[in-house]
Amino acid sequence: MLQMEVVGVRVEMPTNQPIVLLKERDGDRYLPIWIGMTEATAIALAQAEEPPPRPLTHDLFRDVLNALGVQLQTVNIVAIRDGIFFADLVFSNGVEVSARPSDSIALALRTGAKIYAAEEVIQEAGVTMPSDQEDEVAKFREFLDKVTPEDFGRAG
């Protein structure tokens, strides 16, 4: 498993489909995962460290974990089958739960859990950014600095 960092979310044009972009922490490969608008909003809010007007589902989940004294240790993106990604939530009490990567990432950002991806997943769906396209990554990061959760539609 390779540790990943969340670069951010953006809406892919012209389909208006949101993606979350992960990057290898110690490498140069990126992992784009197409997600829903609600999950994009949840991830954008967590990255912006902006509390929503009312707690979202991921905030509730974090609060329940805290109340139960259980920590989310890691999010593991474990497989991709027919273009669909699969993840596992690994908790401090040894319990593992299967979950969508988008929800898992939103929860990891709220709890500080590390995110990992299986080498096989990165080999199948990852992309290496050629040096002449690094400007695109810089533009993407600039976009993330300016985007607001409202750009993704209604959050709640």
N, C-alpha and C. Protein backbone atom coordinates (compact mmCIF):
# COMPACT_ATOMS: atom_id res chain seq x y z
N MET A 1 0.84 -1.18 0.00
CA MET A 1 0.00 0.00 0.00
C MET A 1 0.88 1.24 0.00
N LEU A 2 0.45 2.22 -0.79
CA LEU A 2 1.19 3.47 -0.92
C LEU A 2 0.40 4.61 -0.31
N GLN A 3 1.07 5.42 0.49
CA GLN A 3 0.37 6.55 1.11
C GLN A 3 0.04 7.59 0.05
N MET A 4 -1.18 8.13 0.15
CA MET A 4 -1.67 9.11 -0.81
C MET A 4 -2.00 10.41 -0.09
N GLU A 5 -1.98 11.50 -0.86
CA GLU A 5 -2.39 12.81 -0.35
C GLU A 5 -3.53 13.31 -1.22
N VAL A 6 -4.47 14.00 -0.61
CA VAL A 6 -5.59 14.56 -1.36
C VAL A 6 -5.14 15.88 -1.97
N VAL A 7 -5.09 15.93 -3.30
CA VAL A 7 -4.79 17.19 -3.98
C VAL A 7 -6.03 18.08 -3.91
N GLY A 8 -7.18 17.51 -4.18
CA GLY A 8 -8.42 18.26 -4.07
C GLY A 8 -9.49 17.72 -4.99
N VAL A 9 -10.56 18.47 -5.10
CA VAL A 9 -11.68 18.11 -5.97
C VAL A 9 -11.84 19.18 -7.04
N ARG A 10 -12.39 18.74 -8.16
CA ARG A 10 -12.70 19.69 -9.22
C ARG A 10 -13.79 19.09 -10.08
N VAL A 11 -14.44 19.93 -10.82
CA VAL A 11 -15.48 19.46 -11.74
C VAL A 11 -14.85 19.32 -13.11
N GLU A 12 -14.89 18.12 -13.64
CA GLU A 12 -14.31 17.81 -14.95
C GLU A 12 -15.25 18.33 -16.04
N MET A 13 -14.70 19.05 -16.97
CA MET A 13 -15.50 19.57 -18.08
C MET A 13 -15.29 18.69 -19.29
N PRO A 14 -16.20 18.51 -20.18
CA PRO A 14 -17.51 19.15 -20.26
C PRO A 14 -18.62 18.35 -19.59
N THR A 15 -18.26 17.26 -18.91
CA THR A 15 -19.29 16.38 -18.34
C THR A 15 -19.88 16.89 -17.04
N ASN A 16 -19.23 17.89 -16.42
CA ASN A 16 -19.63 18.39 -15.10
C ASN A 16 -19.58 17.30 -14.04
N GLN A 17 -18.71 16.34 -14.23
CA GLN A 17 -18.54 15.24 -13.27
C GLN A 17 -17.40 15.59 -12.31
N PRO A 18 -17.66 15.61 -11.00
CA PRO A 18 -16.58 15.91 -10.06
C PRO A 18 -15.61 14.75 -9.92
N ILE A 19 -14.36 15.10 -9.67
CA ILE A 19 -13.34 14.10 -9.38
C ILE A 19 -12.58 14.54 -8.13
N VAL A 20 -12.07 13.55 -7.41
CA VAL A 20 -11.11 13.82 -6.35
C VAL A 20 -9.78 13.31 -6.88
N LEU A 21 -8.75 14.10 -6.70
CA LEU A 21 -7.43 13.74 -7.21
C LEU A 21 -6.52 13.46 -6.02
N LEU A 22 -5.97 12.24 -6.01
CA LEU A 22 -5.00 11.84 -5.01
C LEU A 22 -3.63 11.77 -5.66
N LYS A 23 -2.59 11.98 -4.87
CA LYS A 23 -1.22 11.88 -5.38
C LYS A 23 -0.41 11.01 -4.42
N GLU A 24 0.46 10.20 -5.00
CA GLU A 24 1.38 9.43 -4.17
C GLU A 24 2.18 10.38 -3.30
N ARG A 25 2.28 10.07 -2.03
CA ARG A 25 3.04 10.93 -1.13
C ARG A 25 4.52 10.95 -1.51
N ASP A 26 5.06 9.79 -1.85
CA ASP A 26 6.48 9.69 -2.18
C ASP A 26 6.69 9.28 -3.62
N GLY A 27 5.87 9.77 -4.51
CA GLY A 27 6.00 9.40 -5.92
C GLY A 27 5.41 10.47 -6.81
N ASP A 28 5.28 10.13 -8.09
CA ASP A 28 4.80 11.12 -9.05
C ASP A 28 3.52 10.68 -9.76
N ARG A 29 2.86 9.66 -9.21
CA ARG A 29 1.61 9.20 -9.83
C ARG A 29 0.41 9.81 -9.13
N TYR A 30 -0.61 10.05 -9.94
CA TYR A 30 -1.87 10.62 -9.46
C TYR A 30 -2.97 9.59 -9.65
N LEU A 31 -3.97 9.65 -8.79
CA LEU A 31 -5.10 8.74 -8.90
C LEU A 31 -6.39 9.57 -8.93
N PRO A 32 -6.98 9.73 -10.12
CA PRO A 32 -8.26 10.45 -10.21
C PRO A 32 -9.42 9.48 -9.96
N ILE A 33 -10.34 9.90 -9.10
CA ILE A 33 -11.52 9.08 -8.81
C ILE A 33 -12.75 9.95 -9.05
N TRP A 34 -13.60 9.50 -9.96
CA TRP A 34 -14.84 10.22 -10.24
C TRP A 34 -15.80 9.96 -9.10
N ILE A 35 -16.42 11.05 -8.60
CA ILE A 35 -17.29 10.96 -7.42
C ILE A 35 -18.57 11.74 -7.67
N GLY A 36 -19.48 11.67 -6.73
CA GLY A 36 -20.73 12.41 -6.81
C GLY A 36 -20.57 13.84 -6.32
N MET A 37 -21.53 14.66 -6.66
CA MET A 37 -21.50 16.08 -6.28
C MET A 37 -21.56 16.26 -4.76
N THR A 38 -22.36 15.44 -4.08
CA THR A 38 -22.47 15.55 -2.62
C THR A 38 -21.13 15.24 -1.96
N GLU A 39 -20.47 14.20 -2.44
CA GLU A 39 -19.18 13.82 -1.86
C GLU A 39 -18.11 14.87 -2.18
N ALA A 40 -18.19 15.45 -3.38
CA ALA A 40 -17.25 16.51 -3.75
C ALA A 40 -17.39 17.69 -2.78
N THR A 41 -18.62 18.03 -2.47
CA THR A 41 -18.88 19.11 -1.53
C THR A 41 -18.33 18.78 -0.15
N ALA A 42 -18.55 17.54 0.30
CA ALA A 42 -18.07 17.12 1.62
C ALA A 42 -16.54 17.18 1.70
N ILE A 43 -15.88 16.76 0.63
CA ILE A 43 -14.42 16.80 0.60
C ILE A 43 -13.93 18.25 0.55
N ALA A 44 -14.56 19.07 -0.29
CA ALA A 44 -14.15 20.49 -0.40
C ALA A 44 -14.33 21.21 0.93
N LEU A 45 -15.43 20.95 1.62
CA LEU A 45 -15.65 21.58 2.93
C LEU A 45 -14.58 21.15 3.93
N ALA A 46 -14.24 19.88 3.93
CA ALA A 46 -13.21 19.40 4.87
C ALA A 46 -11.86 20.00 4.55
N GLN A 47 -11.53 20.10 3.26
CA GLN A 47 -10.23 20.70 2.90
C GLN A 47 -10.18 22.17 3.26
N ALA A 48 -11.31 22.85 3.10
CA ALA A 48 -11.35 24.28 3.41
C ALA A 48 -11.43 24.52 4.92
N GLU A 49 -11.63 23.44 5.68
CA GLU A 49 -11.80 23.53 7.12
C GLU A 49 -12.89 24.52 7.49
N GLU A 50 -13.94 24.50 6.67
CA GLU A 50 -15.11 25.33 6.92
C GLU A 50 -16.22 24.47 7.50
N PRO A 51 -16.66 24.77 8.71
CA PRO A 51 -17.77 23.98 9.23
C PRO A 51 -19.05 24.32 8.47
N PRO A 52 -19.81 23.30 8.09
CA PRO A 52 -21.06 23.57 7.39
C PRO A 52 -22.08 24.14 8.37
N PRO A 53 -23.14 24.77 7.85
CA PRO A 53 -24.16 25.33 8.75
C PRO A 53 -24.77 24.27 9.67
N ARG A 54 -24.89 23.06 9.15
CA ARG A 54 -25.35 21.91 9.95
C ARG A 54 -24.38 20.78 9.67
N PRO A 55 -24.17 19.90 10.65
CA PRO A 55 -23.23 18.80 10.41
C PRO A 55 -23.68 17.92 9.24
N LEU A 56 -22.72 17.59 8.38
CA LEU A 56 -22.98 16.65 7.30
C LEU A 56 -22.83 15.23 7.84
N THR A 57 -23.19 14.26 7.04
CA THR A 57 -23.12 12.86 7.46
C THR A 57 -21.72 12.49 7.92
N HIS A 58 -20.69 12.98 7.22
CA HIS A 58 -19.31 12.64 7.59
C HIS A 58 -18.93 13.27 8.93
N ASP A 59 -19.48 14.45 9.23
CA ASP A 59 -19.24 15.08 10.53
C ASP A 59 -19.90 14.26 11.63
N LEU A 60 -21.12 13.80 11.37
CA LEU A 60 -21.84 12.96 12.32
C LEU A 60 -21.07 11.67 12.58
N PHE A 61 -20.58 11.04 11.52
CA PHE A 61 -19.82 9.79 11.65
C PHE A 61 -18.59 10.03 12.52
N ARG A 62 -17.86 11.12 12.26
CA ARG A 62 -16.68 11.46 13.07
C ARG A 62 -17.06 11.63 14.54
N ASP A 63 -18.16 12.33 14.78
CA ASP A 63 -18.60 12.58 16.15
C ASP A 63 -19.02 11.30 16.87
N VAL A 64 -19.67 10.39 16.15
CA VAL A 64 -20.06 9.10 16.73
C VAL A 64 -18.82 8.29 17.08
N LEU A 65 -17.84 8.27 16.17
CA LEU A 65 -16.60 7.56 16.47
C LEU A 65 -15.94 8.11 17.72
N ASN A 66 -15.89 9.44 17.84
CA ASN A 66 -15.30 10.07 19.03
C ASN A 66 -16.07 9.69 20.28
N ALA A 67 -17.40 9.69 20.20
CA ALA A 67 -18.23 9.35 21.35
C ALA A 67 -18.01 7.90 21.79
N LEU A 68 -17.72 7.03 20.83
CA LEU A 68 -17.49 5.62 21.13
C LEU A 68 -16.04 5.32 21.48
N GLY A 69 -15.17 6.31 21.36
CA GLY A 69 -13.76 6.11 21.69
C GLY A 69 -13.01 5.28 20.66
N VAL A 70 -13.44 5.35 19.41
CA VAL A 70 -12.81 4.59 18.33
C VAL A 70 -12.24 5.59 17.33
N GLN A 71 -11.03 5.30 16.83
CA GLN A 71 -10.42 6.17 15.84
C GLN A 71 -10.38 5.47 14.49
N LEU A 72 -10.55 6.28 13.45
CA LEU A 72 -10.31 5.78 12.10
C LEU A 72 -8.81 5.84 11.89
N GLN A 73 -8.19 4.67 11.72
CA GLN A 73 -6.73 4.64 11.57
C GLN A 73 -6.31 4.91 10.14
N THR A 74 -6.90 4.16 9.20
CA THR A 74 -6.52 4.35 7.81
C THR A 74 -7.72 4.14 6.90
N VAL A 75 -7.60 4.73 5.73
CA VAL A 75 -8.48 4.47 4.61
C VAL A 75 -7.62 3.77 3.58
N ASN A 76 -8.06 2.60 3.14
CA ASN A 76 -7.30 1.84 2.16
C ASN A 76 -8.14 1.68 0.89
N ILE A 77 -7.66 2.23 -0.20
CA ILE A 77 -8.31 2.03 -1.49
C ILE A 77 -7.75 0.72 -2.02
N VAL A 78 -8.58 -0.30 -2.02
CA VAL A 78 -8.08 -1.66 -2.17
C VAL A 78 -8.28 -2.29 -3.54
N ALA A 79 -9.24 -1.79 -4.32
CA ALA A 79 -9.51 -2.45 -5.60
C ALA A 79 -10.22 -1.51 -6.54
N ILE A 80 -10.17 -1.88 -7.82
CA ILE A 80 -10.97 -1.25 -8.85
C ILE A 80 -11.47 -2.37 -9.75
N ARG A 81 -12.79 -2.44 -9.88
CA ARG A 81 -13.41 -3.47 -10.71
C ARG A 81 -14.46 -2.81 -11.60
N ASP A 82 -14.34 -3.03 -12.88
CA ASP A 82 -15.27 -2.43 -13.85
C ASP A 82 -15.37 -0.92 -13.68
N GLY A 83 -14.23 -0.28 -13.39
CA GLY A 83 -14.19 1.17 -13.24
C GLY A 83 -14.70 1.69 -11.92
N ILE A 84 -15.05 0.80 -11.00
CA ILE A 84 -15.57 1.20 -9.69
C ILE A 84 -14.50 0.93 -8.63
N PHE A 85 -14.21 1.96 -7.84
CA PHE A 85 -13.20 1.85 -6.79
C PHE A 85 -13.84 1.31 -5.51
N PHE A 86 -13.04 0.57 -4.74
CA PHE A 86 -13.48 0.02 -3.46
C PHE A 86 -12.47 0.41 -2.39
N ALA A 87 -12.98 0.72 -1.20
CA ALA A 87 -12.10 1.11 -0.09
C ALA A 87 -12.52 0.39 1.18
N ASP A 88 -11.59 0.34 2.13
CA ASP A 88 -11.85 -0.20 3.46
C ASP A 88 -11.49 0.87 4.48
N LEU A 89 -12.35 0.99 5.49
CA LEU A 89 -12.06 1.82 6.65
C LEU A 89 -11.47 0.90 7.71
N VAL A 90 -10.33 1.25 8.27
CA VAL A 90 -9.68 0.43 9.30
C VAL A 90 -9.69 1.23 10.60
N PHE A 91 -10.36 0.65 11.61
CA PHE A 91 -10.54 1.33 12.89
C PHE A 91 -9.59 0.81 13.96
N SER A 92 -9.40 1.61 15.01
CA SER A 92 -8.46 1.30 16.08
C SER A 92 -8.85 0.04 16.86
N ASN A 93 -10.09 -0.38 16.79
CA ASN A 93 -10.52 -1.58 17.50
C ASN A 93 -10.36 -2.84 16.64
N GLY A 94 -9.72 -2.71 15.48
CA GLY A 94 -9.48 -3.86 14.62
C GLY A 94 -10.58 -4.13 13.60
N VAL A 95 -11.65 -3.41 13.67
CA VAL A 95 -12.77 -3.60 12.73
C VAL A 95 -12.44 -2.94 11.40
N GLU A 96 -12.78 -3.64 10.31
CA GLU A 96 -12.65 -3.08 8.96
C GLU A 96 -14.03 -3.07 8.32
N VAL A 97 -14.35 -1.97 7.64
CA VAL A 97 -15.64 -1.80 7.00
C VAL A 97 -15.42 -1.36 5.56
N SER A 98 -16.10 -2.02 4.65
CA SER A 98 -16.02 -1.63 3.24
C SER A 98 -16.80 -0.33 3.03
N ALA A 99 -16.27 0.57 2.20
CA ALA A 99 -16.92 1.86 1.98
C ALA A 99 -16.52 2.41 0.62
N ARG A 100 -17.29 3.38 0.15
CA ARG A 100 -16.92 4.06 -1.09
C ARG A 100 -15.70 4.94 -0.80
N PRO A 101 -14.77 5.01 -1.74
CA PRO A 101 -13.60 5.88 -1.53
C PRO A 101 -13.97 7.34 -1.27
N SER A 102 -14.99 7.84 -1.92
CA SER A 102 -15.35 9.25 -1.73
C SER A 102 -15.77 9.53 -0.29
N ASP A 103 -16.61 8.66 0.28
CA ASP A 103 -17.00 8.83 1.68
C ASP A 103 -15.81 8.61 2.60
N SER A 104 -14.98 7.65 2.26
CA SER A 104 -13.80 7.34 3.07
C SER A 104 -12.84 8.53 3.12
N ILE A 105 -12.63 9.16 1.98
CA ILE A 105 -11.73 10.32 1.91
C ILE A 105 -12.31 11.48 2.70
N ALA A 106 -13.62 11.73 2.57
CA ALA A 106 -14.27 12.80 3.32
C ALA A 106 -14.11 12.57 4.83
N LEU A 107 -14.24 11.33 5.26
CA LEU A 107 -14.08 11.01 6.68
C LEU A 107 -12.61 11.11 7.11
N ALA A 108 -11.70 10.65 6.27
CA ALA A 108 -10.28 10.74 6.60
C ALA A 108 -9.84 12.19 6.79
N LEU A 109 -10.34 13.08 5.95
CA LEU A 109 -9.98 14.50 6.08
C LEU A 109 -10.50 15.09 7.39
N ARG A 110 -11.61 14.57 7.88
CA ARG A 110 -12.19 15.07 9.13
C ARG A 110 -11.53 14.47 10.37
N THR A 111 -10.90 13.32 10.21
CA THR A 111 -10.33 12.64 11.37
C THR A 111 -8.80 12.63 11.39
N GLY A 112 -8.19 13.01 10.30
CA GLY A 112 -6.73 12.98 10.21
C GLY A 112 -6.17 11.61 9.88
N ALA A 113 -7.03 10.67 9.48
CA ALA A 113 -6.57 9.33 9.12
C ALA A 113 -5.77 9.39 7.83
N LYS A 114 -4.80 8.50 7.72
CA LYS A 114 -3.98 8.43 6.50
C LYS A 114 -4.73 7.64 5.43
N ILE A 115 -4.45 7.99 4.19
CA ILE A 115 -5.08 7.35 3.04
C ILE A 115 -4.01 6.58 2.27
N TYR A 116 -4.34 5.33 1.95
CA TYR A 116 -3.44 4.47 1.19
C TYR A 116 -4.17 3.91 -0.02
N ALA A 117 -3.40 3.56 -1.03
CA ALA A 117 -3.95 2.88 -2.21
C ALA A 117 -3.07 1.70 -2.53
N ALA A 118 -3.71 0.61 -2.94
CA ALA A 118 -2.97 -0.58 -3.34
C ALA A 118 -2.20 -0.29 -4.62
N GLU A 119 -1.02 -0.85 -4.71
CA GLU A 119 -0.18 -0.68 -5.91
C GLU A 119 -0.96 -1.08 -7.16
N GLU A 120 -1.73 -2.16 -7.08
CA GLU A 120 -2.49 -2.64 -8.25
C GLU A 120 -3.50 -1.59 -8.73
N VAL A 121 -4.10 -0.87 -7.79
CA VAL A 121 -5.08 0.17 -8.14
C VAL A 121 -4.37 1.31 -8.86
N ILE A 122 -3.22 1.71 -8.35
CA ILE A 122 -2.48 2.80 -8.98
C ILE A 122 -1.95 2.38 -10.35
N GLN A 123 -1.53 1.13 -10.46
CA GLN A 123 -1.06 0.66 -11.76
C GLN A 123 -2.19 0.68 -12.79
N GLU A 124 -3.41 0.33 -12.37
CA GLU A 124 -4.52 0.26 -13.30
C GLU A 124 -5.12 1.63 -13.61
N ALA A 125 -5.28 2.47 -12.59
CA ALA A 125 -6.03 3.72 -12.79
C ALA A 125 -5.20 4.97 -12.60
N GLY A 126 -3.97 4.83 -12.13
CA GLY A 126 -3.14 5.99 -11.88
C GLY A 126 -2.56 6.57 -13.16
N VAL A 127 -2.17 7.82 -13.06
CA VAL A 127 -1.54 8.50 -14.19
C VAL A 127 -0.28 9.20 -13.69
N THR A 128 0.72 9.23 -14.54
CA THR A 128 1.94 9.98 -14.25
C THR A 128 1.84 11.29 -15.00
N MET A 129 2.15 12.34 -14.32
CA MET A 129 2.06 13.66 -14.92
C MET A 129 3.40 13.99 -15.56
N PRO A 130 3.46 14.04 -16.90
CA PRO A 130 4.71 14.44 -17.54
C PRO A 130 5.10 15.85 -17.11
N SER A 131 6.39 16.12 -17.12
CA SER A 131 6.86 17.42 -16.61
C SER A 131 6.25 18.59 -17.38
N ASP A 132 5.92 18.39 -18.67
CA ASP A 132 5.32 19.50 -19.41
C ASP A 132 3.86 19.73 -19.03
N GLN A 133 3.28 18.81 -18.23
CA GLN A 133 1.90 19.00 -17.78
C GLN A 133 1.83 19.43 -16.32
N GLU A 134 2.99 19.64 -15.71
CA GLU A 134 2.99 20.07 -14.31
C GLU A 134 2.29 21.41 -14.15
N ASP A 135 2.26 22.22 -15.23
CA ASP A 135 1.52 23.48 -15.19
C ASP A 135 0.05 23.22 -14.94
N GLU A 136 -0.46 22.10 -15.47
CA GLU A 136 -1.87 21.75 -15.26
C GLU A 136 -2.14 21.47 -13.79
N VAL A 137 -1.20 20.81 -13.12
CA VAL A 137 -1.35 20.55 -11.69
C VAL A 137 -1.32 21.87 -10.93
N ALA A 138 -0.43 22.77 -11.32
CA ALA A 138 -0.37 24.08 -10.68
C ALA A 138 -1.69 24.84 -10.88
N LYS A 139 -2.25 24.76 -12.09
CA LYS A 139 -3.55 25.40 -12.35
C LYS A 139 -4.63 24.76 -11.50
N PHE A 140 -4.57 23.45 -11.34
CA PHE A 140 -5.55 22.73 -10.54
C PHE A 140 -5.47 23.20 -9.09
N ARG A 141 -4.25 23.31 -8.57
CA ARG A 141 -4.08 23.78 -7.19
C ARG A 141 -4.58 25.22 -7.05
N GLU A 142 -4.34 26.06 -8.08
CA GLU A 142 -4.84 27.43 -8.05
C GLU A 142 -6.36 27.44 -8.03
N PHE A 143 -6.96 26.57 -8.84
CA PHE A 143 -8.41 26.43 -8.86
C PHE A 143 -8.92 26.06 -7.46
N LEU A 144 -8.23 25.12 -6.81
CA LEU A 144 -8.66 24.67 -5.48
C LEU A 144 -8.57 25.80 -4.46
N ASP A 145 -7.59 26.68 -4.63
CA ASP A 145 -7.47 27.80 -3.70
C ASP A 145 -8.62 28.78 -3.82
N LYS A 146 -9.25 28.81 -4.99
CA LYS A 146 -10.31 29.80 -5.25
C LYS A 146 -11.71 29.22 -5.16
N VAL A 147 -11.86 27.89 -5.28
CA VAL A 147 -13.18 27.29 -5.32
C VAL A 147 -13.82 27.34 -3.92
N THR A 148 -15.12 27.48 -3.90
CA THR A 148 -15.86 27.45 -2.64
C THR A 148 -16.83 26.28 -2.68
N PRO A 149 -17.27 25.82 -1.53
CA PRO A 149 -18.23 24.71 -1.52
C PRO A 149 -19.51 25.03 -2.31
N GLU A 150 -19.89 26.30 -2.36
CA GLU A 150 -21.08 26.69 -3.10
C GLU A 150 -20.94 26.43 -4.59
N ASP A 151 -19.70 26.35 -5.08
CA ASP A 151 -19.47 26.06 -6.50
C ASP A 151 -19.92 24.64 -6.86
N PHE A 152 -20.11 23.80 -5.85
CA PHE A 152 -20.54 22.42 -6.10
C PHE A 152 -22.04 22.25 -5.89
N GLY A 153 -22.75 23.32 -5.70
CA GLY A 153 -24.19 23.20 -5.48
C GLY A 153 -24.48 23.14 -3.99
N ARG A 154 -25.70 22.85 -3.69
CA ARG A 154 -26.16 22.84 -2.31
C ARG A 154 -25.48 21.73 -1.50
N ALA A 155 -24.97 22.07 -0.35
CA ALA A 155 -24.21 21.13 0.47
C ALA A 155 -25.08 20.31 1.42
N GLY A 156 -26.30 20.60 1.60
CA GLY A 156 -26.98 19.90 2.67
C GLY A 156 -28.28 19.39 2.35
